[in-house]
Amino acid sequence: MRQLWKLPFLLSALLWLAAHTGVQTDSSPHRVQMVTVEQGVQLEVLDWGGSGRALIFLAGAGDTAHRFDGFAPQFTNQHHVYGITRRASGASSRPAPANGNYSADHLGDDVLAVMKALQIDRPVLVGHSIAGQELSSVGSRFPEKVSGLIYLDAATGFAFYDPARPPIAIEMNDIKRRIDEIEAGGVDEQKKLLELEIAVARFEEVLHQNNAEVVNMPPLQPRSPINAALAFGMQKYTSIPVPSLAIYACPHNWDRLPADQSGRKAALIADDKVRCTAWADAFTHGVPSARIVLIPNADHYVYLSNEAQIHTEMNAFLATIH
């Protein structure tokens, strides 16, 4: 998958963690339960209580719902607040990858299964980082099941498809889907093969661009099977008919990087701004009813670095949902 799209997220996350390390205890006022979402798979669900329309918080890759321990309780005065820890994270089950069980839609199905098990009716989903794909999965396929979506630095290429900057994983999955469709039979094979030829040509362009971008980057360690399944489980979302709030750290906070006389820091900031602006523009164009908020010099964990502003923006958006 294209590596550069992850760079601002990874650096911003590492910088935030470096500034907030230390022994931490879980004193957040939540109840913890395990909810079965499919045979042999249970997810950790936090319940902070409260009353009113439900809010469900979904964390980014590698995080658990406990990442919201300090932020989520601020909404219990008007909402019943939950958090879900994604499969393969924290206390949730870690099933072996098989049959697309870590695809974006499958992860979205996990959220729907928790909603059904706990009888949560039309909540607002709040997702950070890669959780944006779960928001888009649920919102695009089952808009009637949610009241709204709040993307916290999460409405990027994996949450809404931008043909000008397509993640390579999405293009790969599109090729696989087309091949599977042809192999399954019952289709106009000649037409599908012609469409496949166009898709393969498009994929070659994206693959070439990806390889050109990463050729000078340090080699990465091989991913574990679960991490690979998560990384390559992206799907294409092009319609989200649900009230949405998309907040971007744009550009991200690079202040804690050391001074760089070569100008590389300035180049990174400029590249980051181009990328996050393009994501915001794509979401604005594709979801014209969405509220878009750009916060310059915020961390990727924008709800922690700019807590008061995010709280205000979320409350203003939630007040518009009926």
C-alpha atoms as a PDB file:
ATOM      1  CA  MET A   1       0.000   0.000   0.000  1.00  0.00           C
ATOM      2  CA  ARG A   2       1.140   3.529  -0.544  1.00  0.00           C
ATOM      3  CA  GLN A   3       3.335   4.468   2.394  1.00  0.00           C
ATOM      4  CA  LEU A   4       3.293   8.269   2.213  1.00  0.00           C
ATOM      5  CA  TRP A   5      -0.344   8.647   3.200  1.00  0.00           C
ATOM      6  CA  LYS A   6       0.553   7.194   6.597  1.00  0.00           C
ATOM      7  CA  LEU A   7       3.533   9.444   7.290  1.00  0.00           C
ATOM      8  CA  PRO A   8       1.746  12.408   8.942  1.00  0.00           C
ATOM      9  CA  PHE A   9      -0.384  10.037  11.016  1.00  0.00           C
ATOM     10  CA  LEU A  10       2.551   7.968  12.237  1.00  0.00           C
ATOM     11  CA  LEU A  11       4.793  10.908  13.077  1.00  0.00           C
ATOM     12  CA  SER A  12       2.012  12.882  14.728  1.00  0.00           C
ATOM     13  CA  ALA A  13       1.002   9.847  16.787  1.00  0.00           C
ATOM     14  CA  LEU A  14       4.593   9.155  17.836  1.00  0.00           C
ATOM     15  CA  LEU A  15       5.137  12.785  18.778  1.00  0.00           C
ATOM     16  CA  TRP A  16       1.962  12.829  20.839  1.00  0.00           C
ATOM     17  CA  LEU A  17       2.922   9.617  22.618  1.00  0.00           C
ATOM     18  CA  ALA A  18       6.388  10.955  23.338  1.00  0.00           C
ATOM     19  CA  ALA A  19       4.843  13.955  25.056  1.00  0.00           C
ATOM     20  CA  HIS A  20       2.322  11.900  27.055  1.00  0.00           C
ATOM     21  CA  THR A  21       4.253   8.849  28.207  1.00  0.00           C
ATOM     22  CA  GLY A  22       4.158   7.619  31.761  1.00  0.00           C
ATOM     23  CA  VAL A  23       2.292   5.157  33.930  1.00  0.00           C
ATOM     24  CA  GLN A  24      -1.423   5.460  33.396  1.00  0.00           C
ATOM     25  CA  THR A  25      -4.300   3.936  35.307  1.00  0.00           C
ATOM     26  CA  ASP A  26      -7.807   3.419  34.041  1.00  0.00           C
ATOM     27  CA  SER A  27      -9.966   5.581  36.271  1.00  0.00           C
ATOM     28  CA  SER A  28     -12.542   6.372  33.600  1.00  0.00           C
ATOM     29  CA  PRO A  29     -16.145   5.870  34.784  1.00  0.00           C
ATOM     30  CA  HIS A  30     -17.127   3.139  32.353  1.00  0.00           C
ATOM     31  CA  ARG A  31     -18.544  -0.371  32.502  1.00  0.00           C
ATOM     32  CA  VAL A  32     -16.716  -3.005  30.429  1.00  0.00           C
ATOM     33  CA  GLN A  33     -18.445  -5.906  28.719  1.00  0.00           C
ATOM     34  CA  MET A  34     -17.610  -8.416  26.014  1.00  0.00           C
ATOM     35  CA  VAL A  35     -20.113  -8.605  23.162  1.00  0.00           C
ATOM     36  CA  THR A  36     -20.263 -11.531  20.729  1.00  0.00           C
ATOM     37  CA  VAL A  37     -20.374 -10.284  17.121  1.00  0.00           C
ATOM     38  CA  GLU A  38     -19.968 -13.643  15.387  1.00  0.00           C
ATOM     39  CA  GLN A  39     -19.156 -17.188  16.372  1.00  0.00           C
ATOM     40  CA  GLY A  40     -15.930 -17.195  18.343  1.00  0.00           C
ATOM     41  CA  VAL A  41     -15.419 -13.418  18.164  1.00  0.00           C
ATOM     42  CA  GLN A  42     -16.078 -11.039  21.040  1.00  0.00           C
ATOM     43  CA  LEU A  43     -15.394  -7.311  21.182  1.00  0.00           C
ATOM     44  CA  GLU A  44     -14.648  -5.203  24.227  1.00  0.00           C
ATOM     45  CA  VAL A  45     -17.346  -2.555  24.651  1.00  0.00           C
ATOM     46  CA  LEU A  46     -17.080   0.340  27.087  1.00  0.00           C
ATOM     47  CA  ASP A  47     -20.219   1.990  28.434  1.00  0.00           C
ATOM     48  CA  TRP A  48     -19.762   5.395  30.028  1.00  0.00           C
ATOM     49  CA  GLY A  49     -23.468   5.737  30.698  1.00  0.00           C
ATOM     50  CA  GLY A  50     -25.529   8.866  30.163  1.00  0.00           C
ATOM     51  CA  SER A  51     -28.886   9.341  28.525  1.00  0.00           C
ATOM     52  CA  GLY A  52     -30.152  10.514  25.179  1.00  0.00           C
ATOM     53  CA  ARG A  53     -29.038   9.601  21.671  1.00  0.00           C
ATOM     54  CA  ALA A  54     -26.182   7.113  21.695  1.00  0.00           C
ATOM     55  CA  LEU A  55     -22.626   8.027  20.686  1.00  0.00           C
ATOM     56  CA  ILE A  56     -20.262   5.189  19.769  1.00  0.00           C
ATOM     57  CA  PHE A  57     -16.532   5.970  19.717  1.00  0.00           C
ATOM     58  CA  LEU A  58     -14.211   3.928  17.472  1.00  0.00           C
ATOM     59  CA  ALA A  59     -10.454   4.193  17.877  1.00  0.00           C
ATOM     60  CA  GLY A  60      -7.674   4.260  15.306  1.00  0.00           C
ATOM     61  CA  ALA A  61      -5.425   1.382  14.290  1.00  0.00           C
ATOM     62  CA  GLY A  62      -3.593  -0.189  17.209  1.00  0.00           C
ATOM     63  CA  ASP A  63      -5.658   1.713  19.768  1.00  0.00           C
ATOM     64  CA  THR A  64      -8.509   0.531  21.954  1.00  0.00           C
ATOM     65  CA  ALA A  65     -11.684   2.246  23.071  1.00  0.00           C
ATOM     66  CA  HIS A  66      -9.796   3.212  26.237  1.00  0.00           C
ATOM     67  CA  ARG A  67      -8.030   5.887  24.168  1.00  0.00           C
ATOM     68  CA  PHE A  68     -11.261   7.884  24.683  1.00  0.00           C
ATOM     69  CA  ASP A  69     -11.310   7.398  28.471  1.00  0.00           C
ATOM     70  CA  GLY A  70     -10.753  11.091  29.133  1.00  0.00           C
ATOM     71  CA  PHE A  71     -12.720  12.513  26.220  1.00  0.00           C
ATOM     72  CA  ALA A  72     -15.868  10.400  25.821  1.00  0.00           C
ATOM     73  CA  PRO A  73     -17.312  11.013  29.330  1.00  0.00           C
ATOM     74  CA  GLN A  74     -17.674  14.708  28.463  1.00  0.00           C
ATOM     75  CA  PHE A  75     -20.746  13.857  26.380  1.00  0.00           C
ATOM     76  CA  THR A  76     -22.748  11.827  28.905  1.00  0.00           C
ATOM     77  CA  ASN A  77     -24.829  14.824  29.967  1.00  0.00           C
ATOM     78  CA  GLN A  78     -26.805  14.604  26.698  1.00  0.00           C
ATOM     79  CA  HIS A  79     -25.876  11.218  25.230  1.00  0.00           C
ATOM     80  CA  HIS A  80     -25.455   7.582  26.145  1.00  0.00           C
ATOM     81  CA  VAL A  81     -21.790   7.029  25.325  1.00  0.00           C
ATOM     82  CA  TYR A  82     -20.096   3.786  24.242  1.00  0.00           C
ATOM     83  CA  GLY A  83     -16.719   2.757  22.857  1.00  0.00           C
ATOM     84  CA  ILE A  84     -15.865  -0.354  20.833  1.00  0.00           C
ATOM     85  CA  THR A  85     -12.424  -1.935  20.653  1.00  0.00           C
ATOM     86  CA  ARG A  86     -11.866  -3.301  17.145  1.00  0.00           C
ATOM     87  CA  ARG A  87     -11.141  -7.011  16.657  1.00  0.00           C
ATOM     88  CA  ALA A  88      -7.443  -7.869  17.123  1.00  0.00           C
ATOM     89  CA  SER A  89      -6.920  -4.927  19.496  1.00  0.00           C
ATOM     90  CA  GLY A  90      -6.834  -4.870  23.277  1.00  0.00           C
ATOM     91  CA  ALA A  91      -9.123  -7.379  24.958  1.00  0.00           C
ATOM     92  CA  SER A  92     -11.116  -8.085  21.790  1.00  0.00           C
ATOM     93  CA  SER A  93     -10.771 -11.417  19.991  1.00  0.00           C
ATOM     94  CA  ARG A  94      -7.997 -11.941  17.434  1.00  0.00           C
ATOM     95  CA  PRO A  95      -9.380 -14.343  14.821  1.00  0.00           C
ATOM     96  CA  ALA A  96      -6.975 -15.506  12.133  1.00  0.00           C
ATOM     97  CA  PRO A  97      -7.445 -13.671   8.833  1.00  0.00           C
ATOM     98  CA  ALA A  98      -9.769 -15.600   6.521  1.00  0.00           C
ATOM     99  CA  ASN A  99     -12.397 -14.801   3.909  1.00  0.00           C
ATOM    100  CA  GLY A 100     -12.130 -11.030   4.282  1.00  0.00           C
ATOM    101  CA  ASN A 101     -12.854 -10.974   8.007  1.00  0.00           C
ATOM    102  CA  TYR A 102     -10.719  -7.837   8.393  1.00  0.00           C
ATOM    103  CA  SER A 103     -12.148  -5.948   5.441  1.00  0.00           C
ATOM    104  CA  ALA A 104     -13.618  -2.508   6.043  1.00  0.00           C
ATOM    105  CA  ASP A 105     -17.159  -3.808   5.554  1.00  0.00           C
ATOM    106  CA  HIS A 106     -16.572  -6.715   7.923  1.00  0.00           C
ATOM    107  CA  LEU A 107     -15.319  -4.301  10.577  1.00  0.00           C
ATOM    108  CA  GLY A 108     -18.407  -2.192   9.892  1.00  0.00           C
ATOM    109  CA  ASP A 109     -20.517  -5.308  10.385  1.00  0.00           C
ATOM    110  CA  ASP A 110     -18.889  -5.730  13.805  1.00  0.00           C
ATOM    111  CA  VAL A 111     -20.172  -2.285  14.784  1.00  0.00           C
ATOM    112  CA  LEU A 112     -23.652  -3.176  13.557  1.00  0.00           C
ATOM    113  CA  ALA A 113     -23.543  -6.434  15.522  1.00  0.00           C
ATOM    114  CA  VAL A 114     -22.718  -4.561  18.733  1.00  0.00           C
ATOM    115  CA  MET A 115     -25.553  -2.139  18.051  1.00  0.00           C
ATOM    116  CA  LYS A 116     -27.959  -5.042  17.586  1.00  0.00           C
ATOM    117  CA  ALA A 117     -26.769  -6.926  20.666  1.00  0.00           C
ATOM    118  CA  LEU A 118     -27.080  -3.867  22.913  1.00  0.00           C
ATOM    119  CA  GLN A 119     -30.250  -2.581  21.211  1.00  0.00           C
ATOM    120  CA  ILE A 120     -28.629   0.733  20.283  1.00  0.00           C
ATOM    121  CA  ASP A 121     -30.931   2.587  17.907  1.00  0.00           C
ATOM    122  CA  ARG A 122     -29.556   5.031  15.308  1.00  0.00           C
ATOM    123  CA  PRO A 123     -26.447   6.218  17.156  1.00  0.00           C
ATOM    124  CA  VAL A 124     -23.919   8.771  16.000  1.00  0.00           C
ATOM    125  CA  LEU A 125     -20.626   7.051  15.203  1.00  0.00           C
ATOM    126  CA  VAL A 126     -17.415   8.899  16.116  1.00  0.00           C
ATOM    127  CA  GLY A 127     -14.259   7.527  14.526  1.00  0.00           C
ATOM    128  CA  HIS A 128     -10.593   8.437  14.760  1.00  0.00           C
ATOM    129  CA  SER A 129      -8.051   7.758  12.012  1.00  0.00           C
ATOM    130  CA  ILE A 130      -8.623   4.428  10.229  1.00  0.00           C
ATOM    131  CA  ALA A 131     -11.991   4.071  11.989  1.00  0.00           C
ATOM    132  CA  GLY A 132     -13.187   6.407   9.263  1.00  0.00           C
ATOM    133  CA  GLN A 133     -13.568   3.378   7.038  1.00  0.00           C
ATOM    134  CA  GLU A 134     -15.965   1.756   9.515  1.00  0.00           C
ATOM    135  CA  LEU A 135     -18.008   4.960   9.621  1.00  0.00           C
ATOM    136  CA  SER A 136     -18.179   5.081   5.826  1.00  0.00           C
ATOM    137  CA  SER A 137     -18.961   1.372   5.605  1.00  0.00           C
ATOM    138  CA  VAL A 138     -21.969   1.635   7.893  1.00  0.00           C
ATOM    139  CA  GLY A 139     -23.087   5.041   6.629  1.00  0.00           C
ATOM    140  CA  SER A 140     -22.947   4.083   2.946  1.00  0.00           C
ATOM    141  CA  ARG A 141     -24.560   0.650   3.249  1.00  0.00           C
ATOM    142  CA  PHE A 142     -27.051   1.206   6.068  1.00  0.00           C
ATOM    143  CA  PRO A 143     -27.693   4.947   6.368  1.00  0.00           C
ATOM    144  CA  GLU A 144     -31.004   4.277   8.111  1.00  0.00           C
ATOM    145  CA  LYS A 145     -29.183   2.643  11.027  1.00  0.00           C
ATOM    146  CA  VAL A 146     -27.194   5.732  12.095  1.00  0.00           C
ATOM    147  CA  SER A 147     -28.081   9.352  12.801  1.00  0.00           C
ATOM    148  CA  GLY A 148     -24.718  10.855  11.950  1.00  0.00           C
ATOM    149  CA  LEU A 149     -21.005  10.330  11.483  1.00  0.00           C
ATOM    150  CA  ILE A 150     -18.134  12.275  13.060  1.00  0.00           C
ATOM    151  CA  TYR A 151     -14.696  11.796  11.488  1.00  0.00           C
ATOM    152  CA  LEU A 152     -11.763  12.798  13.710  1.00  0.00           C
ATOM    153  CA  ASP A 153      -8.869  13.156  11.253  1.00  0.00           C
ATOM    154  CA  ALA A 154     -10.459  10.118   9.637  1.00  0.00           C
ATOM    155  CA  ALA A 155     -12.192  11.227   6.408  1.00  0.00           C
ATOM    156  CA  THR A 156      -9.201  10.360   4.246  1.00  0.00           C
ATOM    157  CA  GLY A 157      -8.633   8.094   1.236  1.00  0.00           C
ATOM    158  CA  PHE A 158      -9.779   4.938   2.997  1.00  0.00           C
ATOM    159  CA  ALA A 159     -13.017   6.612   4.127  1.00  0.00           C
ATOM    160  CA  PHE A 160     -13.955   8.304   0.864  1.00  0.00           C
ATOM    161  CA  TYR A 161     -12.582   7.406  -2.547  1.00  0.00           C
ATOM    162  CA  ASP A 162     -10.634  10.096  -4.355  1.00  0.00           C
ATOM    163  CA  PRO A 163      -9.728   8.916  -7.878  1.00  0.00           C
ATOM    164  CA  ALA A 164      -6.965  11.520  -8.001  1.00  0.00           C
ATOM    165  CA  ARG A 165      -5.232   9.932  -4.973  1.00  0.00           C
ATOM    166  CA  PRO A 166      -6.411   6.319  -4.757  1.00  0.00           C
ATOM    167  CA  PRO A 167      -4.871   4.107  -2.041  1.00  0.00           C
ATOM    168  CA  ILE A 168      -3.260   1.166  -3.792  1.00  0.00           C
ATOM    169  CA  ALA A 169      -5.056  -1.305  -1.504  1.00  0.00           C
ATOM    170  CA  ILE A 170      -8.425  -0.108  -2.820  1.00  0.00           C
ATOM    171  CA  GLU A 171      -7.290  -0.547  -6.426  1.00  0.00           C
ATOM    172  CA  MET A 172      -5.958  -4.031  -5.630  1.00  0.00           C
ATOM    173  CA  ASN A 173      -9.247  -5.040  -4.050  1.00  0.00           C
ATOM    174  CA  ASP A 174     -11.154  -3.707  -7.048  1.00  0.00           C
ATOM    175  CA  ILE A 175      -9.112  -5.971  -9.368  1.00  0.00           C
ATOM    176  CA  LYS A 176      -9.702  -8.980  -7.107  1.00  0.00           C
ATOM    177  CA  ARG A 177     -13.436  -8.272  -6.965  1.00  0.00           C
ATOM    178  CA  ARG A 178     -13.676  -8.088 -10.745  1.00  0.00           C
ATOM    179  CA  ILE A 179     -11.795 -11.361 -11.186  1.00  0.00           C
ATOM    180  CA  ASP A 180     -13.960 -13.114  -8.596  1.00  0.00           C
ATOM    181  CA  GLU A 181     -17.086 -11.832 -10.363  1.00  0.00           C
ATOM    182  CA  ILE A 182     -15.948 -13.267 -13.691  1.00  0.00           C
ATOM    183  CA  GLU A 183     -14.887 -16.593 -12.171  1.00  0.00           C
ATOM    184  CA  ALA A 184     -18.249 -16.960 -10.414  1.00  0.00           C
ATOM    185  CA  GLY A 185     -20.055 -17.004 -13.779  1.00  0.00           C
ATOM    186  CA  GLY A 186     -23.502 -15.720 -14.630  1.00  0.00           C
ATOM    187  CA  VAL A 187     -22.179 -12.454 -16.107  1.00  0.00           C
ATOM    188  CA  ASP A 188     -21.501 -10.990 -19.532  1.00  0.00           C
ATOM    189  CA  GLU A 189     -17.950 -12.302 -19.635  1.00  0.00           C
ATOM    190  CA  GLN A 190     -16.854 -10.316 -22.674  1.00  0.00           C
ATOM    191  CA  LYS A 191     -18.053  -7.051 -21.167  1.00  0.00           C
ATOM    192  CA  LYS A 192     -16.506  -7.833 -17.785  1.00  0.00           C
ATOM    193  CA  LEU A 193     -13.141  -8.685 -19.345  1.00  0.00           C
ATOM    194  CA  LEU A 194     -13.087  -5.396 -21.202  1.00  0.00           C
ATOM    195  CA  GLU A 195     -13.878  -3.573 -17.952  1.00  0.00           C
ATOM    196  CA  LEU A 196     -11.127  -5.572 -16.252  1.00  0.00           C
ATOM    197  CA  GLU A 197      -8.618  -4.447 -18.875  1.00  0.00           C
ATOM    198  CA  ILE A 198      -9.417  -0.798 -18.109  1.00  0.00           C
ATOM    199  CA  ALA A 199      -9.161  -1.444 -14.370  1.00  0.00           C
ATOM    200  CA  VAL A 200      -5.814  -3.234 -14.748  1.00  0.00           C
ATOM    201  CA  ALA A 201      -4.420  -0.324 -16.765  1.00  0.00           C
ATOM    202  CA  ARG A 202      -5.549   2.045 -14.010  1.00  0.00           C
ATOM    203  CA  PHE A 203      -3.970  -0.188 -11.383  1.00  0.00           C
ATOM    204  CA  GLU A 204      -0.660  -0.200 -13.239  1.00  0.00           C
ATOM    205  CA  GLU A 205      -0.564   3.607 -13.051  1.00  0.00           C
ATOM    206  CA  VAL A 206      -1.289   3.601  -9.313  1.00  0.00           C
ATOM    207  CA  LEU A 207       1.225   0.818  -8.676  1.00  0.00           C
ATOM    208  CA  HIS A 208       3.943   2.649 -10.605  1.00  0.00           C
ATOM    209  CA  GLN A 209       3.284   5.864  -8.667  1.00  0.00           C
ATOM    210  CA  ASN A 210       3.323   3.979  -5.364  1.00  0.00           C
ATOM    211  CA  ASN A 211       6.627   2.267  -6.134  1.00  0.00           C
ATOM    212  CA  ALA A 212       8.198   5.525  -7.274  1.00  0.00           C
ATOM    213  CA  GLU A 213       7.204   7.193  -4.005  1.00  0.00           C
ATOM    214  CA  VAL A 214       8.539   4.478  -1.705  1.00  0.00           C
ATOM    215  CA  VAL A 215      11.690   3.449  -3.577  1.00  0.00           C
ATOM    216  CA  ASN A 216      13.917   5.670  -1.421  1.00  0.00           C
ATOM    217  CA  MET A 217      12.125   4.993   1.856  1.00  0.00           C
ATOM    218  CA  PRO A 218      13.667   2.634   4.447  1.00  0.00           C
ATOM    219  CA  PRO A 219      12.467  -0.964   4.098  1.00  0.00           C
ATOM    220  CA  LEU A 220       9.581  -1.963   6.329  1.00  0.00           C
ATOM    221  CA  GLN A 221       9.460  -5.064   8.459  1.00  0.00           C
ATOM    222  CA  PRO A 222       7.042  -7.685   7.094  1.00  0.00           C
ATOM    223  CA  ARG A 223       3.534  -7.191   8.444  1.00  0.00           C
ATOM    224  CA  SER A 224       1.893  -9.810  10.591  1.00  0.00           C
ATOM    225  CA  PRO A 225      -1.027 -11.598   8.873  1.00  0.00           C
ATOM    226  CA  ILE A 226      -3.563  -9.589  10.899  1.00  0.00           C
ATOM    227  CA  ASN A 227      -1.868  -6.263  10.239  1.00  0.00           C
ATOM    228  CA  ALA A 228      -1.658  -7.092   6.542  1.00  0.00           C
ATOM    229  CA  ALA A 229      -5.342  -8.045   6.486  1.00  0.00           C
ATOM    230  CA  LEU A 230      -6.232  -4.730   8.136  1.00  0.00           C
ATOM    231  CA  ALA A 231      -3.957  -2.721   5.860  1.00  0.00           C
ATOM    232  CA  PHE A 232      -5.236  -4.309   2.674  1.00  0.00           C
ATOM    233  CA  GLY A 233      -8.883  -4.505   3.721  1.00  0.00           C
ATOM    234  CA  MET A 234      -9.752  -1.055   2.404  1.00  0.00           C
ATOM    235  CA  GLN A 235     -12.860  -0.690   0.256  1.00  0.00           C
ATOM    236  CA  LYS A 236     -14.166   1.990  -2.054  1.00  0.00           C
ATOM    237  CA  TYR A 237     -16.796   4.364  -0.612  1.00  0.00           C
ATOM    238  CA  THR A 238     -18.253   6.982  -2.936  1.00  0.00           C
ATOM    239  CA  SER A 239     -21.617   7.851  -1.366  1.00  0.00           C
ATOM    240  CA  ILE A 240     -22.337   8.674   2.279  1.00  0.00           C
ATOM    241  CA  PRO A 241     -25.954   9.866   2.618  1.00  0.00           C
ATOM    242  CA  VAL A 242     -25.703  10.558   6.336  1.00  0.00           C
ATOM    243  CA  PRO A 243     -25.213  13.848   8.232  1.00  0.00           C
ATOM    244  CA  SER A 244     -21.444  14.087   8.646  1.00  0.00           C
ATOM    245  CA  LEU A 245     -18.828  16.175  10.415  1.00  0.00           C
ATOM    246  CA  ALA A 246     -15.273  15.789   9.117  1.00  0.00           C
ATOM    247  CA  ILE A 247     -12.495  17.356  11.187  1.00  0.00           C
ATOM    248  CA  TYR A 248      -8.949  17.433   9.821  1.00  0.00           C
ATOM    249  CA  ALA A 249      -5.625  18.280  11.402  1.00  0.00           C
ATOM    250  CA  CYS A 250      -4.401  20.236   8.399  1.00  0.00           C
ATOM    251  CA  PRO A 251      -1.499  20.505   8.323  1.00  0.00           C
ATOM    252  CA  HIS A 252      -0.498  18.310  11.235  1.00  0.00           C
ATOM    253  CA  ASN A 253       1.633  19.484  14.127  1.00  0.00           C
ATOM    254  CA  TRP A 254       5.319  19.160  13.267  1.00  0.00           C
ATOM    255  CA  ASP A 255       6.587  21.574  15.943  1.00  0.00           C
ATOM    256  CA  ARG A 256       8.221  18.883  18.053  1.00  0.00           C
ATOM    257  CA  LEU A 257      10.448  17.769  15.200  1.00  0.00           C
ATOM    258  CA  PRO A 258      13.989  19.118  15.632  1.00  0.00           C
ATOM    259  CA  ALA A 259      15.039  22.171  13.654  1.00  0.00           C
ATOM    260  CA  ASP A 260      16.122  21.207  10.150  1.00  0.00           C
ATOM    261  CA  GLN A 261      18.468  23.557   8.307  1.00  0.00           C
ATOM    262  CA  SER A 262      18.078  21.555   5.079  1.00  0.00           C
ATOM    263  CA  GLY A 263      14.468  22.619   4.756  1.00  0.00           C
ATOM    264  CA  ARG A 264      13.125  19.068   4.954  1.00  0.00           C
ATOM    265  CA  LYS A 265      10.751  19.977   7.771  1.00  0.00           C
ATOM    266  CA  ALA A 266       9.239  22.753   5.675  1.00  0.00           C
ATOM    267  CA  ALA A 267       8.889  20.341   2.763  1.00  0.00           C
ATOM    268  CA  LEU A 268       7.121  17.794   4.955  1.00  0.00           C
ATOM    269  CA  ILE A 269       4.670  20.418   6.194  1.00  0.00           C
ATOM    270  CA  ALA A 270       3.979  21.609   2.660  1.00  0.00           C
ATOM    271  CA  ASP A 271       3.440  18.043   1.424  1.00  0.00           C
ATOM    272  CA  ASP A 272       1.192  17.303   4.391  1.00  0.00           C
ATOM    273  CA  LYS A 273      -0.922  20.399   3.708  1.00  0.00           C
ATOM    274  CA  VAL A 274      -1.395  19.451   0.053  1.00  0.00           C
ATOM    275  CA  ARG A 275      -2.468  15.950   1.042  1.00  0.00           C
ATOM    276  CA  CYS A 276      -4.893  16.840   3.838  1.00  0.00           C
ATOM    277  CA  THR A 277      -6.403  19.659   1.784  1.00  0.00           C
ATOM    278  CA  ALA A 278      -6.997  17.234  -1.073  1.00  0.00           C
ATOM    279  CA  TRP A 279      -8.730  14.815   1.299  1.00  0.00           C
ATOM    280  CA  ALA A 280     -10.962  17.581   2.618  1.00  0.00           C
ATOM    281  CA  ASP A 281     -11.762  18.797  -0.897  1.00  0.00           C
ATOM    282  CA  ALA A 282     -12.666  15.280  -2.041  1.00  0.00           C
ATOM    283  CA  PHE A 283     -14.976  14.794   0.939  1.00  0.00           C
ATOM    284  CA  THR A 284     -16.549  18.211   0.401  1.00  0.00           C
ATOM    285  CA  HIS A 285     -17.222  17.403  -3.250  1.00  0.00           C
ATOM    286  CA  GLY A 286     -18.500  13.885  -2.601  1.00  0.00           C
ATOM    287  CA  VAL A 287     -20.511  14.648   0.541  1.00  0.00           C
ATOM    288  CA  PRO A 288     -21.690  18.219  -0.067  1.00  0.00           C
ATOM    289  CA  SER A 289     -23.929  18.267   3.014  1.00  0.00           C
ATOM    290  CA  ALA A 290     -20.996  17.514   5.342  1.00  0.00           C
ATOM    291  CA  ARG A 291     -19.522  20.088   7.698  1.00  0.00           C
ATOM    292  CA  ILE A 292     -15.765  20.328   7.132  1.00  0.00           C
ATOM    293  CA  VAL A 293     -13.401  21.740   9.774  1.00  0.00           C
ATOM    294  CA  LEU A 294      -9.656  22.190   9.193  1.00  0.00           C
ATOM    295  CA  ILE A 295      -7.500  22.799  12.275  1.00  0.00           C
ATOM    296  CA  PRO A 296      -3.931  23.816  11.430  1.00  0.00           C
ATOM    297  CA  ASN A 297      -1.042  22.551  13.537  1.00  0.00           C
ATOM    298  CA  ALA A 298      -3.152  19.970  15.368  1.00  0.00           C
ATOM    299  CA  ASP A 299      -1.965  16.458  16.204  1.00  0.00           C
ATOM    300  CA  HIS A 300      -3.369  13.431  14.453  1.00  0.00           C
ATOM    301  CA  TYR A 301      -4.977  12.732  17.851  1.00  0.00           C
ATOM    302  CA  VAL A 302      -6.862  15.947  17.280  1.00  0.00           C
ATOM    303  CA  TYR A 303      -9.415  15.280  20.023  1.00  0.00           C
ATOM    304  CA  LEU A 304      -6.535  15.255  22.520  1.00  0.00           C
ATOM    305  CA  SER A 305      -4.375  18.092  21.199  1.00  0.00           C
ATOM    306  CA  ASN A 306      -7.385  20.372  20.557  1.00  0.00           C
ATOM    307  CA  GLU A 307      -9.862  18.896  23.000  1.00  0.00           C
ATOM    308  CA  ALA A 308     -11.935  22.002  23.739  1.00  0.00           C
ATOM    309  CA  GLN A 309     -12.377  22.891  20.066  1.00  0.00           C
ATOM    310  CA  ILE A 310     -13.342  19.343  19.101  1.00  0.00           C
ATOM    311  CA  HIS A 311     -15.815  19.203  21.977  1.00  0.00           C
ATOM    312  CA  THR A 312     -17.404  22.459  20.771  1.00  0.00           C
ATOM    313  CA  GLU A 313     -17.549  21.348  17.135  1.00  0.00           C
ATOM    314  CA  MET A 314     -19.060  17.989  18.031  1.00  0.00           C
ATOM    315  CA  ASN A 315     -21.717  19.505  20.270  1.00  0.00           C
ATOM    316  CA  ALA A 316     -22.679  22.029  17.592  1.00  0.00           C
ATOM    317  CA  PHE A 317     -23.028  19.221  15.033  1.00  0.00           C
ATOM    318  CA  LEU A 318     -24.938  16.935  17.413  1.00  0.00           C
ATOM    319  CA  ALA A 319     -27.417  19.753  18.120  1.00  0.00           C
ATOM    320  CA  THR A 320     -28.432  19.703  14.441  1.00  0.00           C
ATOM    321  CA  ILE A 321     -29.351  16.014  14.396  1.00  0.00           C
ATOM    322  CA  HIS A 322     -32.980  15.123  14.918  1.00  0.00           C
END
